[in-house]
Amino acid sequence: MGSYSLETHAFPFVTEKDYADAFSIMQKTVAALAAEGCPYQGILYGQFMNTRDGPKVIEFNARFGDPEAMNVLTLLTSDFAVIAEHICKGTLSPADVSFAPLASVCKYIVPDGYPEAPKTGEALSFTPQDGVTVYYANVVEEDGVLKTLTSRTMAFVGVGKTLADAEQLAETACRGVRGNVRYRKDIGTEALFAKRISHMNGLRK
């Protein structure tokens, strides 16, 4: 239903060791594939859950994670085509990839009743806003009218100097959607952020 990132591109509830451990797991996975005669070149998205004993793998995907990729790619300042070319050639380096030092908040609009019984074919409309990128997902246009389908409809990504700035932009965009849809208002808020910090602090005691 949404995700967020800070202008530092880090989180206070993810320690440097947590990050290093998760990255090491990714490196070992790629190395193991190469050792089996299947060198991997492409996107490898590792979904991790941070626990008392450090990060644990939930799943791997050979694609970008959604909606997390929307946070990341919206802040990408280098040429994605060049990145893809380097991936294909096996020459990609950290110097080829750069991101803006900004925060981003992604909030998904979904049909009313989602996920158990989403109401499809519902008309919706919105007004584009500065500072917000719109990603169309499970939506269709019929005779010039946008209509919901069975899954997440569209995402609004607000970008700002701080998490609060980005959240306010995404929230305003979501509130401006007209139609039989809903979204999570707490994504990227200071209250939810504080809850995540408190949760990890509790686990580490």
Foldseek 3Di string as FASTA:
>chain_A
DKAKAWLVRDAPLQDPVLVVVVVVVVVVVQVVCVVVVRRDFADKDFDWDQFLVHTDTPDIDRDDDPPVVVFVVVFWPADVVVQNVCSVVVNDDPVRTDGHSKMKMKKWKAAPPPPPDGDWFKWKDFDDDPQKDKAADQWDADPNTIIHDRTTGIMIMGIGRGLVRRLVVRLVRVVRMDIRIDIDSCTSDPVVSVVSNVVSVVRND
